[in-house]
Amino acid sequence: MDLFAPPANDPERYFALVVYFALLVVKIFALVSALLYSSESYVAAGKLTKPAWCAILGVAVVLQLVPISLSIVNLAMTIAALVYLADVRPALAGLRRR
């Protein structure tokens, strides 16, 4: 199924587009969030370094934008973005509250 084909009255295509753009928004949000914290915060939280997370999330955004089918790699990058949002971001935010 080609996401960028002319629109048709196919609910699966619309669902796929919604999922595509939702994942793009999640990945961009995670990347921007990763860029906002200092490198020292990552070390203090005991997480992977800031350049590593920014590289991972940057690749995730790029792979989401590229219209080639790297499904398993894109899935891995989606999981990485979700791990960042569920584990790393709360740990970094917790450091600011103290």
N, C-alpha and C. Protein backbone atom coordinates (compact mmCIF):
# COMPACT_ATOMS: atom_id res chain seq x y z
N MET A 1 0.85 -1.18 0.00
CA MET A 1 0.00 0.00 0.00
C MET A 1 0.89 1.23 0.00
N ASP A 2 0.66 2.12 -0.94
CA ASP A 2 1.43 3.34 -1.07
C ASP A 2 0.70 4.47 -0.37
N LEU A 3 1.32 5.01 0.68
CA LEU A 3 0.67 6.07 1.46
C LEU A 3 0.49 7.36 0.67
N PHE A 4 1.34 7.56 -0.33
CA PHE A 4 1.34 8.82 -1.04
C PHE A 4 0.64 8.74 -2.39
N ALA A 5 -0.13 7.69 -2.62
CA ALA A 5 -0.90 7.57 -3.85
C ALA A 5 -2.09 8.53 -3.79
N PRO A 6 -2.70 8.79 -4.93
CA PRO A 6 -3.87 9.69 -4.91
C PRO A 6 -4.94 9.17 -3.95
N PRO A 7 -5.66 10.07 -3.29
CA PRO A 7 -6.66 9.65 -2.31
C PRO A 7 -7.78 8.82 -2.94
N ALA A 8 -8.23 7.88 -2.19
CA ALA A 8 -9.35 7.04 -2.61
C ALA A 8 -10.27 6.87 -1.41
N ASN A 9 -11.41 6.34 -1.64
CA ASN A 9 -12.34 6.09 -0.54
C ASN A 9 -12.01 4.77 0.13
N ASP A 10 -10.81 4.71 0.65
CA ASP A 10 -10.32 3.50 1.30
C ASP A 10 -10.01 3.83 2.76
N PRO A 11 -10.81 3.33 3.70
CA PRO A 11 -10.58 3.66 5.11
C PRO A 11 -9.21 3.21 5.62
N GLU A 12 -8.67 2.15 5.07
CA GLU A 12 -7.35 1.68 5.51
C GLU A 12 -6.28 2.70 5.17
N ARG A 13 -6.40 3.33 4.02
CA ARG A 13 -5.42 4.34 3.61
C ARG A 13 -5.49 5.54 4.55
N TYR A 14 -6.69 5.99 4.89
CA TYR A 14 -6.83 7.12 5.81
C TYR A 14 -6.30 6.77 7.19
N PHE A 15 -6.56 5.57 7.64
CA PHE A 15 -6.05 5.12 8.94
C PHE A 15 -4.53 5.09 8.92
N ALA A 16 -3.95 4.58 7.83
CA ALA A 16 -2.50 4.52 7.70
C ALA A 16 -1.89 5.92 7.72
N LEU A 17 -2.53 6.86 7.06
CA LEU A 17 -2.04 8.24 7.08
C LEU A 17 -2.11 8.86 8.46
N VAL A 18 -3.18 8.60 9.18
CA VAL A 18 -3.32 9.12 10.54
C VAL A 18 -2.22 8.54 11.43
N VAL A 19 -1.98 7.24 11.33
CA VAL A 19 -0.93 6.61 12.12
C VAL A 19 0.44 7.17 11.74
N TYR A 20 0.67 7.33 10.45
CA TYR A 20 1.94 7.87 9.95
C TYR A 20 2.22 9.25 10.56
N PHE A 21 1.24 10.15 10.48
CA PHE A 21 1.45 11.50 10.99
C PHE A 21 1.48 11.53 12.52
N ALA A 22 0.74 10.67 13.18
CA ALA A 22 0.80 10.60 14.64
C ALA A 22 2.19 10.16 15.10
N LEU A 23 2.76 9.17 14.44
CA LEU A 23 4.11 8.72 14.79
C LEU A 23 5.15 9.78 14.48
N LEU A 24 4.94 10.52 13.40
CA LEU A 24 5.85 11.61 13.07
C LEU A 24 5.82 12.67 14.16
N VAL A 25 4.65 13.03 14.63
CA VAL A 25 4.52 14.03 15.69
C VAL A 25 5.18 13.54 16.98
N VAL A 26 4.97 12.28 17.33
CA VAL A 26 5.58 11.71 18.54
C VAL A 26 7.10 11.76 18.45
N LYS A 27 7.64 11.40 17.29
CA LYS A 27 9.10 11.38 17.13
C LYS A 27 9.68 12.79 17.15
N ILE A 28 9.01 13.73 16.52
CA ILE A 28 9.49 15.12 16.54
C ILE A 28 9.42 15.68 17.96
N PHE A 29 8.33 15.40 18.66
CA PHE A 29 8.20 15.85 20.05
C PHE A 29 9.32 15.28 20.91
N ALA A 30 9.63 14.00 20.76
CA ALA A 30 10.70 13.37 21.54
C ALA A 30 12.05 14.01 21.21
N LEU A 31 12.31 14.27 19.93
CA LEU A 31 13.58 14.89 19.54
C LEU A 31 13.71 16.29 20.11
N VAL A 32 12.68 17.10 20.00
CA VAL A 32 12.72 18.46 20.53
C VAL A 32 12.91 18.42 22.05
N SER A 33 12.21 17.51 22.71
CA SER A 33 12.36 17.36 24.15
C SER A 33 13.78 16.97 24.53
N ALA A 34 14.38 16.07 23.77
CA ALA A 34 15.75 15.64 24.05
C ALA A 34 16.73 16.79 23.88
N LEU A 35 16.46 17.66 22.94
CA LEU A 35 17.35 18.80 22.71
C LEU A 35 17.27 19.86 23.80
N LEU A 36 16.18 19.89 24.54
CA LEU A 36 15.97 20.94 25.54
C LEU A 36 16.73 20.70 26.85
N TYR A 37 17.10 19.47 27.14
CA TYR A 37 17.80 19.16 28.39
C TYR A 37 19.31 19.25 28.19
N SER A 38 20.02 19.59 29.24
CA SER A 38 21.47 19.71 29.15
C SER A 38 22.12 18.32 29.18
N SER A 39 23.34 18.28 28.70
CA SER A 39 24.10 17.02 28.70
C SER A 39 24.32 16.51 30.12
N GLU A 40 24.50 17.43 31.05
CA GLU A 40 24.73 17.03 32.43
C GLU A 40 23.50 16.37 33.04
N SER A 41 22.31 16.76 32.58
CA SER A 41 21.08 16.15 33.08
C SER A 41 21.02 14.67 32.75
N TYR A 42 21.45 14.31 31.56
CA TYR A 42 21.44 12.91 31.15
C TYR A 42 22.39 12.09 32.03
N VAL A 43 23.56 12.65 32.31
CA VAL A 43 24.53 11.96 33.15
C VAL A 43 23.98 11.83 34.57
N ALA A 44 23.39 12.91 35.09
CA ALA A 44 22.85 12.89 36.45
C ALA A 44 21.70 11.90 36.58
N ALA A 45 20.93 11.72 35.53
CA ALA A 45 19.81 10.78 35.56
C ALA A 45 20.26 9.35 35.32
N GLY A 46 21.52 9.16 34.95
CA GLY A 46 22.04 7.82 34.70
C GLY A 46 21.51 7.20 33.41
N LYS A 47 21.26 8.05 32.42
CA LYS A 47 20.72 7.59 31.14
C LYS A 47 21.78 7.71 30.07
N LEU A 48 21.47 7.21 28.89
CA LEU A 48 22.34 7.36 27.73
C LEU A 48 22.61 8.84 27.51
N THR A 49 23.73 9.17 26.89
CA THR A 49 24.11 10.57 26.75
C THR A 49 23.18 11.34 25.82
N LYS A 50 23.25 12.66 25.94
CA LYS A 50 22.41 13.52 25.10
C LYS A 50 22.71 13.34 23.62
N PRO A 51 23.99 13.33 23.19
CA PRO A 51 24.23 13.13 21.76
C PRO A 51 23.69 11.79 21.24
N ALA A 52 23.76 10.77 22.07
CA ALA A 52 23.25 9.46 21.64
C ALA A 52 21.74 9.50 21.46
N TRP A 53 21.02 10.07 22.43
CA TRP A 53 19.56 10.16 22.30
C TRP A 53 19.15 11.05 21.14
N CYS A 54 19.86 12.15 20.96
CA CYS A 54 19.52 13.06 19.86
C CYS A 54 19.78 12.39 18.51
N ALA A 55 20.85 11.61 18.42
CA ALA A 55 21.13 10.89 17.17
C ALA A 55 20.06 9.84 16.91
N ILE A 56 19.71 9.07 17.92
CA ILE A 56 18.69 8.04 17.76
C ILE A 56 17.36 8.65 17.34
N LEU A 57 16.96 9.70 18.03
CA LEU A 57 15.67 10.33 17.72
C LEU A 57 15.71 11.09 16.40
N GLY A 58 16.85 11.64 16.04
CA GLY A 58 16.99 12.29 14.74
C GLY A 58 16.85 11.30 13.60
N VAL A 59 17.49 10.14 13.76
CA VAL A 59 17.34 9.07 12.76
C VAL A 59 15.90 8.60 12.70
N ALA A 60 15.24 8.55 13.83
CA ALA A 60 13.83 8.14 13.87
C ALA A 60 12.96 9.08 13.05
N VAL A 61 13.19 10.39 13.20
CA VAL A 61 12.41 11.37 12.44
C VAL A 61 12.71 11.25 10.95
N VAL A 62 13.97 11.13 10.60
CA VAL A 62 14.34 11.02 9.19
C VAL A 62 13.74 9.77 8.57
N LEU A 63 13.82 8.64 9.27
CA LEU A 63 13.25 7.41 8.72
C LEU A 63 11.74 7.49 8.59
N GLN A 64 11.10 8.25 9.45
CA GLN A 64 9.65 8.41 9.34
C GLN A 64 9.31 9.24 8.10
N LEU A 65 10.18 10.17 7.74
CA LEU A 65 9.93 11.03 6.58
C LEU A 65 10.28 10.39 5.25
N VAL A 66 11.19 9.43 5.26
CA VAL A 66 11.62 8.78 4.03
C VAL A 66 10.57 7.77 3.59
N PRO A 67 10.09 7.89 2.36
CA PRO A 67 8.99 7.01 1.93
C PRO A 67 9.42 5.62 1.46
N ILE A 68 10.52 5.10 2.00
CA ILE A 68 10.90 3.74 1.65
C ILE A 68 10.43 2.80 2.74
N SER A 69 10.37 1.56 2.43
CA SER A 69 9.81 0.61 3.38
C SER A 69 10.91 -0.07 4.19
N LEU A 70 11.24 0.51 5.32
CA LEU A 70 12.15 -0.10 6.28
C LEU A 70 11.35 -0.37 7.54
N SER A 71 10.35 -1.19 7.43
CA SER A 71 9.37 -1.37 8.49
C SER A 71 9.99 -1.74 9.82
N ILE A 72 10.89 -2.71 9.84
CA ILE A 72 11.44 -3.18 11.11
C ILE A 72 12.33 -2.11 11.73
N VAL A 73 13.08 -1.38 10.92
CA VAL A 73 13.93 -0.32 11.45
C VAL A 73 13.06 0.84 11.96
N ASN A 74 12.03 1.18 11.20
CA ASN A 74 11.12 2.23 11.64
C ASN A 74 10.40 1.83 12.92
N LEU A 75 10.04 0.57 13.03
CA LEU A 75 9.42 0.09 14.27
C LEU A 75 10.38 0.23 15.44
N ALA A 76 11.64 -0.13 15.23
CA ALA A 76 12.65 -0.01 16.29
C ALA A 76 12.83 1.45 16.70
N MET A 77 12.81 2.35 15.74
CA MET A 77 12.96 3.77 16.05
C MET A 77 11.72 4.32 16.77
N THR A 78 10.56 3.80 16.43
CA THR A 78 9.34 4.19 17.14
C THR A 78 9.41 3.73 18.59
N ILE A 79 9.88 2.53 18.81
CA ILE A 79 10.03 2.01 20.17
C ILE A 79 11.05 2.85 20.94
N ALA A 80 12.14 3.25 20.27
CA ALA A 80 13.14 4.09 20.93
C ALA A 80 12.54 5.43 21.35
N ALA A 81 11.73 6.03 20.49
CA ALA A 81 11.09 7.30 20.83
C ALA A 81 10.14 7.13 22.01
N LEU A 82 9.41 6.03 22.02
CA LEU A 82 8.48 5.77 23.13
C LEU A 82 9.23 5.50 24.43
N VAL A 83 10.37 4.81 24.35
CA VAL A 83 11.20 4.57 25.54
C VAL A 83 11.72 5.90 26.08
N TYR A 84 12.15 6.77 25.18
CA TYR A 84 12.60 8.09 25.62
C TYR A 84 11.48 8.81 26.36
N LEU A 85 10.29 8.82 25.77
CA LEU A 85 9.18 9.55 26.38
C LEU A 85 8.69 8.92 27.68
N ALA A 86 8.77 7.61 27.79
CA ALA A 86 8.25 6.92 28.97
C ALA A 86 9.27 6.79 30.09
N ASP A 87 10.57 6.77 29.76
CA ASP A 87 11.58 6.51 30.78
C ASP A 87 12.55 7.67 30.96
N VAL A 88 13.15 8.12 29.90
CA VAL A 88 14.21 9.11 30.00
C VAL A 88 13.65 10.50 30.33
N ARG A 89 12.66 10.92 29.60
CA ARG A 89 12.10 12.26 29.81
C ARG A 89 11.59 12.46 31.23
N PRO A 90 10.83 11.50 31.82
CA PRO A 90 10.42 11.69 33.21
C PRO A 90 11.59 11.77 34.19
N ALA A 91 12.65 10.99 33.91
CA ALA A 91 13.83 11.04 34.78
C ALA A 91 14.50 12.40 34.69
N LEU A 92 14.59 12.95 33.48
CA LEU A 92 15.19 14.27 33.31
C LEU A 92 14.32 15.36 33.93
N ALA A 93 13.03 15.24 33.78
CA ALA A 93 12.11 16.23 34.35
C ALA A 93 12.16 16.18 35.88
N GLY A 94 12.35 14.99 36.44
CA GLY A 94 12.44 14.84 37.88
C GLY A 94 13.64 15.55 38.47
N LEU A 95 14.69 15.68 37.69
CA LEU A 95 15.87 16.40 38.17
C LEU A 95 15.60 17.89 38.29
N ARG A 96 14.78 18.43 37.44
CA ARG A 96 14.47 19.86 37.49
C ARG A 96 13.60 20.21 38.68
N ARG A 97 12.76 19.29 39.10
CA ARG A 97 11.81 19.57 40.18
C ARG A 97 12.48 19.63 41.54
N ARG A 98 13.64 19.07 41.67
CA ARG A 98 14.30 19.01 42.98
C ARG A 98 14.92 20.29 43.38
